Amino acid sequence: MEVAASASPPVCRIIDYSKFKYDQEKKEREAKKHQKQSKLKEIRLKPNIDPHDYATKLKQVIAFLAKKDKVKVNLFFRGRQMEHMDLGKKVLDKMVVDTQNAAQVEKNPALEGRIMSLVLAPK
């Protein structure tokens, strides 16, 4: 292994390659421990949610955002609830307003089949 290439003559030393590879992997593993990977947490709601239940879910969302995790809020429509999309949209808009201090909207509310979803990212 070459130690000092700029020296005249270049300085080299003989090493155990398997030990060298092991030390490199160990350093990489140690570096990974100190990295923070943000996770995507998911909250499930329904359009006719009770105010107290909504407050509980809001508290969970804020806790996830405080831990620097992204939050995907899924609002499920069942049966005849599909005719009242405006109620679901109001719930998600209220969630955006209530979390505006802790989060920013990464993906606006969009309907995918029977699920309306919203993604919030921490500020």
PDB file of N, CA and C in Angstrom:
ATOM      1  N   MET A   1       0.849  -1.173   0.000  1.00  0.00           N
ATOM      2  CA  MET A   1       0.000   0.000   0.000  1.00  0.00           C
ATOM      3  C   MET A   1       0.895   1.237   0.000  1.00  0.00           C
ATOM      4  N   GLU A   2       0.507   2.224  -0.800  1.00  0.00           N
ATOM      5  CA  GLU A   2       1.279   3.449  -0.921  1.00  0.00           C
ATOM      6  C   GLU A   2       0.886   4.406   0.208  1.00  0.00           C
ATOM      7  N   VAL A   3       1.830   4.845   1.000  1.00  0.00           N
ATOM      8  CA  VAL A   3       1.562   5.717   2.144  1.00  0.00           C
ATOM      9  C   VAL A   3       1.733   7.179   1.761  1.00  0.00           C
ATOM     10  N   ALA A   4       2.857   7.539   1.167  1.00  0.00           N
ATOM     11  CA  ALA A   4       3.135   8.920   0.778  1.00  0.00           C
ATOM     12  C   ALA A   4       3.595   8.935  -0.676  1.00  0.00           C
ATOM     13  N   ALA A   5       2.692   9.264  -1.573  1.00  0.00           N
ATOM     14  CA  ALA A   5       3.010   9.247  -3.002  1.00  0.00           C
ATOM     15  C   ALA A   5       3.832  10.455  -3.420  1.00  0.00           C
ATOM     16  N   SER A   6       3.665  11.564  -2.698  1.00  0.00           N
ATOM     17  CA  SER A   6       4.356  12.799  -3.093  1.00  0.00           C
ATOM     18  C   SER A   6       5.822  12.824  -2.660  1.00  0.00           C
ATOM     19  N   ALA A   7       6.210  11.920  -1.767  1.00  0.00           N
ATOM     20  CA  ALA A   7       7.600  11.897  -1.286  1.00  0.00           C
ATOM     21  C   ALA A   7       8.522  11.375  -2.393  1.00  0.00           C
ATOM     22  N   SER A   8       9.783  11.690  -2.245  1.00  0.00           N
ATOM     23  CA  SER A   8      10.756  11.216  -3.232  1.00  0.00           C
ATOM     24  C   SER A   8      11.787  10.370  -2.514  1.00  0.00           C
ATOM     25  N   PRO A   9      11.909   9.117  -2.698  1.00  0.00           N
ATOM     26  CA  PRO A   9      11.056   8.196  -3.462  1.00  0.00           C
ATOM     27  C   PRO A   9       9.731   7.926  -2.731  1.00  0.00           C
ATOM     28  N   PRO A  10       8.686   7.461  -3.452  1.00  0.00           N
ATOM     29  CA  PRO A  10       7.387   7.187  -2.825  1.00  0.00           C
ATOM     30  C   PRO A  10       7.517   6.152  -1.700  1.00  0.00           C
ATOM     31  N   VAL A  11       6.738   6.367  -0.604  1.00  0.00           N
ATOM     32  CA  VAL A  11       6.810   5.489   0.558  1.00  0.00           C
ATOM     33  C   VAL A  11       5.668   4.473   0.478  1.00  0.00           C
ATOM     34  N   CYS A  12       6.021   3.189   0.640  1.00  0.00           N
ATOM     35  CA  CYS A  12       5.026   2.110   0.606  1.00  0.00           C
ATOM     36  C   CYS A  12       5.226   1.207   1.808  1.00  0.00           C
ATOM     37  N   ARG A  13       4.185   0.436   2.121  1.00  0.00           N
ATOM     38  CA  ARG A  13       4.337  -0.556   3.185  1.00  0.00           C
ATOM     39  C   ARG A  13       3.481  -1.772   2.842  1.00  0.00           C
ATOM     40  N   ILE A  14       3.860  -2.897   3.383  1.00  0.00           N
ATOM     41  CA  ILE A  14       3.143  -4.149   3.128  1.00  0.00           C
ATOM     42  C   ILE A  14       2.094  -4.309   4.220  1.00  0.00           C
ATOM     43  N   ILE A  15       0.837  -4.598   3.790  1.00  0.00           N
ATOM     44  CA  ILE A  15      -0.254  -4.746   4.762  1.00  0.00           C
ATOM     45  C   ILE A  15      -1.013  -6.037   4.509  1.00  0.00           C
ATOM     46  N   ASP A  16      -1.790  -6.454   5.512  1.00  0.00           N
ATOM     47  CA  ASP A  16      -2.697  -7.596   5.378  1.00  0.00           C
ATOM     48  C   ASP A  16      -3.988  -7.051   4.763  1.00  0.00           C
ATOM     49  N   TYR A  17      -4.267  -7.444   3.522  1.00  0.00           N
ATOM     50  CA  TYR A  17      -5.396  -6.865   2.785  1.00  0.00           C
ATOM     51  C   TYR A  17      -6.742  -7.175   3.446  1.00  0.00           C
ATOM     52  N   SER A  18      -6.930  -8.384   3.955  1.00  0.00           N
ATOM     53  CA  SER A  18      -8.212  -8.733   4.584  1.00  0.00           C
ATOM     54  C   SER A  18      -8.442  -7.896   5.850  1.00  0.00           C
ATOM     55  N   LYS A  19      -7.380  -7.639   6.613  1.00  0.00           N
ATOM     56  CA  LYS A  19      -7.511  -6.785   7.799  1.00  0.00           C
ATOM     57  C   LYS A  19      -7.823  -5.350   7.392  1.00  0.00           C
ATOM     58  N   PHE A  20      -7.198  -4.900   6.311  1.00  0.00           N
ATOM     59  CA  PHE A  20      -7.458  -3.557   5.790  1.00  0.00           C
ATOM     60  C   PHE A  20      -8.927  -3.407   5.389  1.00  0.00           C
ATOM     61  N   LYS A  21      -9.480  -4.392   4.659  1.00  0.00           N
ATOM     62  CA  LYS A  21     -10.882  -4.371   4.231  1.00  0.00           C
ATOM     63  C   LYS A  21     -11.823  -4.380   5.450  1.00  0.00           C
ATOM     64  N   TYR A  22     -11.487  -5.197   6.452  1.00  0.00           N
ATOM     65  CA  TYR A  22     -12.286  -5.284   7.668  1.00  0.00           C
ATOM     66  C   TYR A  22     -12.336  -3.932   8.377  1.00  0.00           C
ATOM     67  N   ASP A  23     -11.188  -3.263   8.489  1.00  0.00           N
ATOM     68  CA  ASP A  23     -11.142  -1.952   9.139  1.00  0.00           C
ATOM     69  C   ASP A  23     -11.953  -0.914   8.367  1.00  0.00           C
ATOM     70  N   GLN A  24     -11.891  -0.964   7.030  1.00  0.00           N
ATOM     71  CA  GLN A  24     -12.670  -0.045   6.199  1.00  0.00           C
ATOM     72  C   GLN A  24     -14.167  -0.234   6.448  1.00  0.00           C
ATOM     73  N   GLU A  25     -14.624  -1.495   6.438  1.00  0.00           N
ATOM     74  CA  GLU A  25     -16.053  -1.790   6.674  1.00  0.00           C
ATOM     75  C   GLU A  25     -16.475  -1.343   8.070  1.00  0.00           C
ATOM     76  N   LYS A  26     -15.602  -1.519   9.044  1.00  0.00           N
ATOM     77  CA  LYS A  26     -15.892  -1.118  10.415  1.00  0.00           C
ATOM     78  C   LYS A  26     -16.080   0.403  10.513  1.00  0.00           C
ATOM     79  N   LYS A  27     -15.219   1.162   9.807  1.00  0.00           N
ATOM     80  CA  LYS A  27     -15.341   2.617   9.788  1.00  0.00           C
ATOM     81  C   LYS A  27     -16.647   3.046   9.131  1.00  0.00           C
ATOM     82  N   GLU A  28     -17.030   2.373   8.041  1.00  0.00           N
ATOM     83  CA  GLU A  28     -18.281   2.696   7.351  1.00  0.00           C
ATOM     84  C   GLU A  28     -19.488   2.421   8.244  1.00  0.00           C
ATOM     85  N   ARG A  29     -19.462   1.291   8.955  1.00  0.00           N
ATOM     86  CA  ARG A  29     -20.560   0.962   9.868  1.00  0.00           C
ATOM     87  C   ARG A  29     -20.677   1.991  10.985  1.00  0.00           C
ATOM     88  N   GLU A  30     -19.537   2.414  11.506  1.00  0.00           N
ATOM     89  CA  GLU A  30     -19.524   3.419  12.578  1.00  0.00           C
ATOM     90  C   GLU A  30     -20.070   4.750  12.077  1.00  0.00           C
ATOM     91  N   ALA A  31     -19.748   5.109  10.840  1.00  0.00           N
ATOM     92  CA  ALA A  31     -20.243   6.364  10.260  1.00  0.00           C
ATOM     93  C   ALA A  31     -21.758   6.295  10.053  1.00  0.00           C
ATOM     94  N   LYS A  32     -22.270   5.131   9.702  1.00  0.00           N
ATOM     95  CA  LYS A  32     -23.714   4.971   9.490  1.00  0.00           C
ATOM     96  C   LYS A  32     -24.497   5.146  10.783  1.00  0.00           C
ATOM     97  N   LYS A  33     -23.898   4.758  11.906  1.00  0.00           N
ATOM     98  CA  LYS A  33     -24.588   4.866  13.194  1.00  0.00           C
ATOM     99  C   LYS A  33     -24.949   6.309  13.515  1.00  0.00           C
ATOM    100  N   HIS A  34     -24.119   7.241  13.092  1.00  0.00           N
ATOM    101  CA  HIS A  34     -24.316   8.640  13.441  1.00  0.00           C
ATOM    102  C   HIS A  34     -25.178   9.393  12.445  1.00  0.00           C
ATOM    103  N   GLN A  35     -25.635   8.703  11.386  1.00  0.00           N
ATOM    104  CA  GLN A  35     -26.506   9.347  10.413  1.00  0.00           C
ATOM    105  C   GLN A  35     -27.951   9.215  10.847  1.00  0.00           C
ATOM    106  N   LYS A  36     -28.747  10.237  10.572  1.00  0.00           N
ATOM    107  CA  LYS A  36     -30.174  10.202  10.894  1.00  0.00           C
ATOM    108  C   LYS A  36     -30.944  10.039   9.593  1.00  0.00           C
ATOM    109  N   GLN A  37     -31.615   8.906   9.447  1.00  0.00           N
ATOM    110  CA  GLN A  37     -32.428   8.677   8.266  1.00  0.00           C
ATOM    111  C   GLN A  37     -33.875   8.974   8.626  1.00  0.00           C
ATOM    112  N   SER A  38     -34.513   9.830   7.833  1.00  0.00           N
ATOM    113  CA  SER A  38     -35.894  10.158   8.140  1.00  0.00           C
ATOM    114  C   SER A  38     -36.794   9.044   7.637  1.00  0.00           C
ATOM    115  N   LYS A  39     -37.751   8.682   8.450  1.00  0.00           N
ATOM    116  CA  LYS A  39     -38.683   7.618   8.100  1.00  0.00           C
ATOM    117  C   LYS A  39     -40.016   8.238   7.735  1.00  0.00           C
ATOM    118  N   LEU A  40     -40.816   7.486   7.018  1.00  0.00           N
ATOM    119  CA  LEU A  40     -42.150   7.929   6.644  1.00  0.00           C
ATOM    120  C   LEU A  40     -43.144   7.241   7.569  1.00  0.00           C
ATOM    121  N   LYS A  41     -43.765   8.014   8.445  1.00  0.00           N
ATOM    122  CA  LYS A  41     -44.785   7.491   9.344  1.00  0.00           C
ATOM    123  C   LYS A  41     -46.151   7.697   8.692  1.00  0.00           C
ATOM    124  N   GLU A  42     -47.112   6.887   9.074  1.00  0.00           N
ATOM    125  CA  GLU A  42     -48.420   6.960   8.431  1.00  0.00           C
ATOM    126  C   GLU A  42     -49.521   7.077   9.485  1.00  0.00           C
ATOM    127  N   ILE A  43     -50.454   7.989   9.240  1.00  0.00           N
ATOM    128  CA  ILE A  43     -51.623   8.191  10.102  1.00  0.00           C
ATOM    129  C   ILE A  43     -52.861   7.933   9.253  1.00  0.00           C
ATOM    130  N   ARG A  44     -53.816   7.190   9.815  1.00  0.00           N
ATOM    131  CA  ARG A  44     -55.035   6.853   9.081  1.00  0.00           C
ATOM    132  C   ARG A  44     -56.234   7.552   9.714  1.00  0.00           C
ATOM    133  N   LEU A  45     -57.018   8.214   8.874  1.00  0.00           N
ATOM    134  CA  LEU A  45     -58.200   8.946   9.324  1.00  0.00           C
ATOM    135  C   LEU A  45     -59.412   8.553   8.487  1.00  0.00           C
ATOM    136  N   LYS A  46     -60.579   8.943   8.968  1.00  0.00           N
ATOM    137  CA  LYS A  46     -61.822   8.819   8.199  1.00  0.00           C
ATOM    138  C   LYS A  46     -62.463  10.201   8.141  1.00  0.00           C
ATOM    139  N   PRO A  47     -63.303  10.488   7.160  1.00  0.00           N
ATOM    140  CA  PRO A  47     -63.850  11.847   7.016  1.00  0.00           C
ATOM    141  C   PRO A  47     -64.741  12.301   8.176  1.00  0.00           C
ATOM    142  N   ASN A  48     -65.427  11.377   8.832  1.00  0.00           N
ATOM    143  CA  ASN A  48     -66.323  11.766   9.923  1.00  0.00           C
ATOM    144  C   ASN A  48     -65.671  11.501  11.285  1.00  0.00           C
ATOM    145  N   ILE A  49     -64.445  12.017  11.440  1.00  0.00           N
ATOM    146  CA  ILE A  49     -63.688  11.801  12.674  1.00  0.00           C
ATOM    147  C   ILE A  49     -64.190  12.742  13.763  1.00  0.00           C
ATOM    148  N   ASP A  50     -64.246  12.232  14.977  1.00  0.00           N
ATOM    149  CA  ASP A  50     -64.682  13.000  16.146  1.00  0.00           C
ATOM    150  C   ASP A  50     -63.592  14.017  16.514  1.00  0.00           C
ATOM    151  N   PRO A  51     -63.969  15.191  17.031  1.00  0.00           N
ATOM    152  CA  PRO A  51     -62.954  16.210  17.374  1.00  0.00           C
ATOM    153  C   PRO A  51     -61.876  15.718  18.341  1.00  0.00           C
ATOM    154  N   HIS A  52     -62.258  14.914  19.324  1.00  0.00           N
ATOM    155  CA  HIS A  52     -61.271  14.416  20.286  1.00  0.00           C
ATOM    156  C   HIS A  52     -60.326  13.422  19.614  1.00  0.00           C
ATOM    157  N   ASP A  53     -60.852  12.555  18.757  1.00  0.00           N
ATOM    158  CA  ASP A  53     -60.011  11.610  18.027  1.00  0.00           C
ATOM    159  C   ASP A  53     -59.061  12.356  17.092  1.00  0.00           C
ATOM    160  N   TYR A  54     -59.570  13.418  16.469  1.00  0.00           N
ATOM    161  CA  TYR A  54     -58.734  14.238  15.596  1.00  0.00           C
ATOM    162  C   TYR A  54     -57.588  14.859  16.402  1.00  0.00           C
ATOM    163  N   ALA A  55     -57.885  15.354  17.604  1.00  0.00           N
ATOM    164  CA  ALA A  55     -56.858  15.962  18.446  1.00  0.00           C
ATOM    165  C   ALA A  55     -55.775  14.944  18.808  1.00  0.00           C
ATOM    166  N   THR A  56     -56.183  13.698  19.063  1.00  0.00           N
ATOM    167  CA  THR A  56     -55.221  12.643  19.383  1.00  0.00           C
ATOM    168  C   THR A  56     -54.314  12.361  18.192  1.00  0.00           C
ATOM    169  N   LYS A  57     -54.899  12.258  17.012  1.00  0.00           N
ATOM    170  CA  LYS A  57     -54.117  12.009  15.799  1.00  0.00           C
ATOM    171  C   LYS A  57     -53.179  13.190  15.512  1.00  0.00           C
ATOM    172  N   LEU A  58     -53.656  14.397  15.748  1.00  0.00           N
ATOM    173  CA  LEU A  58     -52.841  15.593  15.543  1.00  0.00           C
ATOM    174  C   LEU A  58     -51.627  15.573  16.470  1.00  0.00           C
ATOM    175  N   LYS A  59     -51.845  15.149  17.713  1.00  0.00           N
ATOM    176  CA  LYS A  59     -50.750  15.063  18.680  1.00  0.00           C
ATOM    177  C   LYS A  59     -49.702  14.048  18.207  1.00  0.00           C
ATOM    178  N   GLN A  60     -50.160  12.926  17.632  1.00  0.00           N
ATOM    179  CA  GLN A  60     -49.236  11.920  17.099  1.00  0.00           C
ATOM    180  C   GLN A  60     -48.432  12.488  15.932  1.00  0.00           C
ATOM    181  N   VAL A  61     -49.115  13.199  15.040  1.00  0.00           N
ATOM    182  CA  VAL A  61     -48.440  13.789  13.876  1.00  0.00           C
ATOM    183  C   VAL A  61     -47.355  14.758  14.335  1.00  0.00           C
ATOM    184  N   ILE A  62     -47.678  15.605  15.289  1.00  0.00           N
ATOM    185  CA  ILE A  62     -46.705  16.590  15.778  1.00  0.00           C
ATOM    186  C   ILE A  62     -45.524  15.893  16.453  1.00  0.00           C
ATOM    187  N   ALA A  63     -45.784  14.795  17.163  1.00  0.00           N
ATOM    188  CA  ALA A  63     -44.701  14.040  17.792  1.00  0.00           C
ATOM    189  C   ALA A  63     -43.770  13.430  16.737  1.00  0.00           C
ATOM    190  N   PHE A  64     -44.348  12.884  15.668  1.00  0.00           N
ATOM    191  CA  PHE A  64     -43.534  12.322  14.589  1.00  0.00           C
ATOM    192  C   PHE A  64     -42.689  13.405  13.934  1.00  0.00           C
ATOM    193  N   LEU A  65     -43.291  14.575  13.714  1.00  0.00           N
ATOM    194  CA  LEU A  65     -42.566  15.672  13.081  1.00  0.00           C
ATOM    195  C   LEU A  65     -41.443  16.179  13.986  1.00  0.00           C
ATOM    196  N   ALA A  66     -41.668  16.139  15.297  1.00  0.00           N
ATOM    197  CA  ALA A  66     -40.637  16.569  16.239  1.00  0.00           C
ATOM    198  C   ALA A  66     -39.417  15.645  16.184  1.00  0.00           C
ATOM    199  N   LYS A  67     -39.649  14.371  15.835  1.00  0.00           N
ATOM    200  CA  LYS A  67     -38.546  13.410  15.700  1.00  0.00           C
ATOM    201  C   LYS A  67     -37.922  13.453  14.306  1.00  0.00           C
ATOM    202  N   LYS A  68     -38.311  14.460  13.509  1.00  0.00           N
ATOM    203  CA  LYS A  68     -37.789  14.669  12.149  1.00  0.00           C
ATOM    204  C   LYS A  68     -38.199  13.565  11.177  1.00  0.00           C
ATOM    205  N   ASP A  69     -39.368  12.957  11.397  1.00  0.00           N
ATOM    206  CA  ASP A  69     -39.899  11.968  10.472  1.00  0.00           C
ATOM    207  C   ASP A  69     -40.944  12.620   9.582  1.00  0.00           C
ATOM    208  N   LYS A  70     -41.042  12.147   8.358  1.00  0.00           N
ATOM    209  CA  LYS A  70     -42.110  12.611   7.476  1.00  0.00           C
ATOM    210  C   LYS A  70     -43.383  11.876   7.869  1.00  0.00           C
ATOM    211  N   VAL A  71     -44.532  12.508   7.619  1.00  0.00           N
ATOM    212  CA  VAL A  71     -45.810  11.914   7.982  1.00  0.00           C
ATOM    213  C   VAL A  71     -46.730  11.892   6.768  1.00  0.00           C
ATOM    214  N   LYS A  72     -47.271  10.722   6.482  1.00  0.00           N
ATOM    215  CA  LYS A  72     -48.259  10.590   5.409  1.00  0.00           C
ATOM    216  C   LYS A  72     -49.619  10.408   6.079  1.00  0.00           C
ATOM    217  N   VAL A  73     -50.513  11.342   5.823  1.00  0.00           N
ATOM    218  CA  VAL A  73     -51.851  11.288   6.409  1.00  0.00           C
ATOM    219  C   VAL A  73     -52.787  10.709   5.352  1.00  0.00           C
ATOM    220  N   ASN A  74     -53.334   9.532   5.637  1.00  0.00           N
ATOM    221  CA  ASN A  74     -54.261   8.872   4.719  1.00  0.00           C
ATOM    222  C   ASN A  74     -55.678   9.019   5.253  1.00  0.00           C
ATOM    223  N   LEU A  75     -56.572   9.449   4.383  1.00  0.00           N
ATOM    224  CA  LEU A  75     -57.973   9.608   4.751  1.00  0.00           C
ATOM    225  C   LEU A  75     -58.763   8.608   3.911  1.00  0.00           C
ATOM    226  N   PHE A  76     -59.389   7.637   4.574  1.00  0.00           N
ATOM    227  CA  PHE A  76     -60.083   6.558   3.893  1.00  0.00           C
ATOM    228  C   PHE A  76     -61.563   6.867   3.739  1.00  0.00           C
ATOM    229  N   PHE A  77     -62.076   6.662   2.533  1.00  0.00           N
ATOM    230  CA  PHE A  77     -63.503   6.806   2.262  1.00  0.00           C
ATOM    231  C   PHE A  77     -64.102   5.406   2.108  1.00  0.00           C
ATOM    232  N   ARG A  78     -65.284   5.193   2.733  1.00  0.00           N
ATOM    233  CA  ARG A  78     -65.956   3.909   2.611  1.00  0.00           C
ATOM    234  C   ARG A  78     -67.371   4.126   2.096  1.00  0.00           C
ATOM    235  N   GLY A  79     -67.791   3.285   1.179  1.00  0.00           N
ATOM    236  CA  GLY A  79     -69.174   3.291   0.705  1.00  0.00           C
ATOM    237  C   GLY A  79     -69.641   4.641   0.217  1.00  0.00           C
ATOM    238  N   ARG A  80     -70.713   5.150   0.831  1.00  0.00           N
ATOM    239  CA  ARG A  80     -71.324   6.406   0.398  1.00  0.00           C
ATOM    240  C   ARG A  80     -70.500   7.634   0.751  1.00  0.00           C
ATOM    241  N   GLN A  81     -69.454   7.459   1.540  1.00  0.00           N
ATOM    242  CA  GLN A  81     -68.601   8.601   1.879  1.00  0.00           C
ATOM    243  C   GLN A  81     -67.896   9.155   0.642  1.00  0.00           C
ATOM    244  N   MET A  82     -67.814   8.343  -0.418  1.00  0.00           N
ATOM    245  CA  MET A  82     -67.164   8.794  -1.656  1.00  0.00           C
ATOM    246  C   MET A  82     -67.907   9.981  -2.272  1.00  0.00           C
ATOM    247  N   GLU A  83     -69.190  10.126  -1.952  1.00  0.00           N
ATOM    248  CA  GLU A  83     -69.973  11.235  -2.491  1.00  0.00           C
ATOM    249  C   GLU A  83     -69.684  12.555  -1.775  1.00  0.00           C
ATOM    250  N   HIS A  84     -69.024  12.480  -0.619  1.00  0.00           N
ATOM    251  CA  HIS A  84     -68.761  13.679   0.187  1.00  0.00           C
ATOM    252  C   HIS A  84     -67.258  13.910   0.321  1.00  0.00           C
ATOM    253  N   MET A  85     -66.611  14.072  -0.812  1.00  0.00           N
ATOM    254  CA  MET A  85     -65.162  14.311  -0.823  1.00  0.00           C
ATOM    255  C   MET A  85     -64.806  15.618  -0.125  1.00  0.00           C
ATOM    256  N   ASP A  86     -65.707  16.586  -0.170  1.00  0.00           N
ATOM    257  CA  ASP A  86     -65.437  17.888   0.440  1.00  0.00           C
ATOM    258  C   ASP A  86     -65.203  17.771   1.938  1.00  0.00           C
ATOM    259  N   LEU A  87     -65.883  16.818   2.620  1.00  0.00           N
ATOM    260  CA  LEU A  87     -65.680  16.624   4.064  1.00  0.00           C
ATOM    261  C   LEU A  87     -64.253  16.132   4.339  1.00  0.00           C
ATOM    262  N   GLY A  88     -63.792  15.218   3.514  1.00  0.00           N
ATOM    263  CA  GLY A  88     -62.421  14.708   3.669  1.00  0.00           C
ATOM    264  C   GLY A  88     -61.391  15.781   3.395  1.00  0.00           C
ATOM    265  N   LYS A  89     -61.645  16.584   2.377  1.00  0.00           N
ATOM    266  CA  LYS A  89     -60.728  17.679   2.021  1.00  0.00           C
ATOM    267  C   LYS A  89     -60.632  18.675   3.176  1.00  0.00           C
ATOM    268  N   LYS A  90     -61.774  18.946   3.838  1.00  0.00           N
ATOM    269  CA  LYS A  90     -61.766  19.866   4.982  1.00  0.00           C
ATOM    270  C   LYS A  90     -60.910  19.328   6.124  1.00  0.00           C
ATOM    271  N   VAL A  91     -60.999  18.020   6.377  1.00  0.00           N
ATOM    272  CA  VAL A  91     -60.215  17.407   7.462  1.00  0.00           C
ATOM    273  C   VAL A  91     -58.717  17.553   7.169  1.00  0.00           C
ATOM    274  N   LEU A  92     -58.321  17.278   5.924  1.00  0.00           N
ATOM    275  CA  LEU A  92     -56.898  17.388   5.575  1.00  0.00           C
ATOM    276  C   LEU A  92     -56.423  18.844   5.576  1.00  0.00           C
ATOM    277  N   ASP A  93     -57.288  19.759   5.132  1.00  0.00           N
ATOM    278  CA  ASP A  93     -56.918  21.184   5.176  1.00  0.00           C
ATOM    279  C   ASP A  93     -56.755  21.655   6.615  1.00  0.00           C
ATOM    280  N   LYS A  94     -57.607  21.162   7.501  1.00  0.00           N
ATOM    281  CA  LYS A  94     -57.505  21.500   8.923  1.00  0.00           C
ATOM    282  C   LYS A  94     -56.187  20.957   9.497  1.00  0.00           C
ATOM    283  N   MET A  95     -55.791  19.756   9.053  1.00  0.00           N
ATOM    284  CA  MET A  95     -54.535  19.160   9.504  1.00  0.00           C
ATOM    285  C   MET A  95     -53.350  20.028   9.057  1.00  0.00           C
ATOM    286  N   VAL A  96     -53.406  20.534   7.839  1.00  0.00           N
ATOM    287  CA  VAL A  96     -52.329  21.393   7.327  1.00  0.00           C
ATOM    288  C   VAL A  96     -52.239  22.670   8.154  1.00  0.00           C
ATOM    289  N   VAL A  97     -53.393  23.282   8.450  1.00  0.00           N
ATOM    290  CA  VAL A  97     -53.410  24.526   9.224  1.00  0.00           C
ATOM    291  C   VAL A  97     -52.901  24.289  10.646  1.00  0.00           C
ATOM    292  N   ASP A  98     -53.318  23.167  11.254  1.00  0.00           N
ATOM    293  CA  ASP A  98     -52.926  22.887  12.640  1.00  0.00           C
ATOM    294  C   ASP A  98     -51.448  22.529  12.778  1.00  0.00           C
ATOM    295  N   THR A  99     -50.825  22.039  11.708  1.00  0.00           N
ATOM    296  CA  THR A  99     -49.412  21.654  11.786  1.00  0.00           C
ATOM    297  C   THR A  99     -48.484  22.634  11.080  1.00  0.00           C
ATOM    298  N   GLN A 100     -48.980  23.797  10.710  1.00  0.00           N
ATOM    299  CA  GLN A 100     -48.156  24.722   9.922  1.00  0.00           C
ATOM    300  C   GLN A 100     -46.926  25.215  10.666  1.00  0.00           C
ATOM    301  N   ASN A 101     -46.931  25.218  12.004  1.00  0.00           N
ATOM    302  CA  ASN A 101     -45.749  25.646  12.756  1.00  0.00           C
ATOM    303  C   ASN A 101     -44.656  24.580  12.753  1.00  0.00           C
ATOM    304  N   ALA A 102     -45.050  23.305  12.710  1.00  0.00           N
ATOM    305  CA  ALA A 102     -44.086  22.206  12.810  1.00  0.00           C
ATOM    306  C   ALA A 102     -43.767  21.558  11.471  1.00  0.00           C
ATOM    307  N   ALA A 103     -44.605  21.788  10.458  1.00  0.00           N
ATOM    308  CA  ALA A 103     -44.435  21.051   9.199  1.00  0.00           C
ATOM    309  C   ALA A 103     -44.670  21.917   7.985  1.00  0.00           C
ATOM    310  N   GLN A 104     -44.170  21.402   6.876  1.00  0.00           N
ATOM    311  CA  GLN A 104     -44.471  22.003   5.590  1.00  0.00           C
ATOM    312  C   GLN A 104     -45.058  20.908   4.706  1.00  0.00           C
ATOM    313  N   VAL A 105     -45.943  21.284   3.808  1.00  0.00           N
ATOM    314  CA  VAL A 105     -46.614  20.316   2.956  1.00  0.00           C
ATOM    315  C   VAL A 105     -45.657  19.897   1.850  1.00  0.00           C
ATOM    316  N   GLU A 106     -45.366  18.596   1.798  1.00  0.00           N
ATOM    317  CA  GLU A 106     -44.490  18.082   0.753  1.00  0.00           C
ATOM    318  C   GLU A 106     -45.302  17.631  -0.452  1.00  0.00           C
ATOM    319  N   LYS A 107     -46.489  17.066  -0.181  1.00  0.00           N
ATOM    320  CA  LYS A 107     -47.378  16.642  -1.265  1.00  0.00           C
ATOM    321  C   LYS A 107     -48.795  17.045  -0.881  1.00  0.00           C
ATOM    322  N   ASN A 108     -49.413  17.861  -1.693  1.00  0.00           N
ATOM    323  CA  ASN A 108     -50.770  18.330  -1.411  1.00  0.00           C
ATOM    324  C   ASN A 108     -51.767  17.182  -1.422  1.00  0.00           C
ATOM    325  N   PRO A 109     -52.932  17.369  -0.762  1.00  0.00           N
ATOM    326  CA  PRO A 109     -53.936  16.300  -0.730  1.00  0.00           C
ATOM    327  C   PRO A 109     -54.343  15.869  -2.139  1.00  0.00           C
ATOM    328  N   ALA A 110     -54.264  14.571  -2.378  1.00  0.00           N
ATOM    329  CA  ALA A 110     -54.631  14.024  -3.681  1.00  0.00           C
ATOM    330  C   ALA A 110     -55.402  12.726  -3.479  1.00  0.00           C
ATOM    331  N   LEU A 111     -56.353  12.482  -4.348  1.00  0.00           N
ATOM    332  CA  LEU A 111     -57.186  11.285  -4.250  1.00  0.00           C
ATOM    333  C   LEU A 111     -56.584  10.170  -5.096  1.00  0.00           C
ATOM    334  N   GLU A 112     -56.387   9.019  -4.464  1.00  0.00           N
ATOM    335  CA  GLU A 112     -55.893   7.826  -5.155  1.00  0.00           C
ATOM    336  C   GLU A 112     -56.865   6.698  -4.849  1.00  0.00           C
ATOM    337  N   GLY A 113     -57.830   6.494  -5.719  1.00  0.00           N
ATOM    338  CA  GLY A 113     -58.851   5.476  -5.471  1.00  0.00           C
ATOM    339  C   GLY A 113     -59.784   5.937  -4.364  1.00  0.00           C
ATOM    340  N   ARG A 114     -59.831   5.197  -3.273  1.00  0.00           N
ATOM    341  CA  ARG A 114     -60.680   5.551  -2.132  1.00  0.00           C
ATOM    342  C   ARG A 114     -59.892   6.237  -1.019  1.00  0.00           C
ATOM    343  N   ILE A 115     -58.643   6.552  -1.285  1.00  0.00           N
ATOM    344  CA  ILE A 115     -57.769   7.136  -0.266  1.00  0.00           C
ATOM    345  C   ILE A 115     -57.296   8.522  -0.706  1.00  0.00           C
ATOM    346  N   MET A 116     -57.508   9.507   0.152  1.00  0.00           N
ATOM    347  CA  MET A 116     -56.983  10.842  -0.080  1.00  0.00           C
ATOM    348  C   MET A 116     -55.770  10.984   0.842  1.00  0.00           C
ATOM    349  N   SER A 117     -54.619  11.323   0.271  1.00  0.00           N
ATOM    350  CA  SER A 117     -53.417  11.363   1.088  1.00  0.00           C
ATOM    351  C   SER A 117     -52.701  12.699   0.995  1.00  0.00           C
ATOM    352  N   LEU A 118     -51.925  12.971   2.020  1.00  0.00           N
ATOM    353  CA  LEU A 118     -51.193  14.218   2.196  1.00  0.00           C
ATOM    354  C   LEU A 118     -49.862  13.850   2.849  1.00  0.00           C
ATOM    355  N   VAL A 119     -48.762  14.448   2.389  1.00  0.00           N
ATOM    356  CA  VAL A 119     -47.449  14.163   2.996  1.00  0.00           C
ATOM    357  C   VAL A 119     -46.921  15.459   3.615  1.00  0.00           C
ATOM    358  N   LEU A 120     -46.570  15.354   4.896  1.00  0.00           N
ATOM    359  CA  LEU A 120     -46.004  16.483   5.640  1.00  0.00           C
ATOM    360  C   LEU A 120     -44.547  16.197   5.974  1.00  0.00           C
ATOM    361  N   ALA A 121     -43.696  17.205   5.818  1.00  0.00           N
ATOM    362  CA  ALA A 121     -42.281  17.076   6.154  1.00  0.00           C
ATOM    363  C   ALA A 121     -41.947  18.062   7.273  1.00  0.00           C
ATOM    364  N   PRO A 122     -41.032  17.696   8.164  1.00  0.00           N
ATOM    365  CA  PRO A 122     -40.677  18.625   9.247  1.00  0.00           C
ATOM    366  C   PRO A 122     -39.973  19.863   8.713  1.00  0.00           C
ATOM    367  N   LYS A 123     -40.140  20.995   9.430  1.00  0.00           N
ATOM    368  CA  LYS A 123     -39.472  22.250   9.025  1.00  0.00           C
ATOM    369  C   LYS A 123     -38.028  22.208   9.451  1.00  0.00           C
TER     370      LYS A 123
END
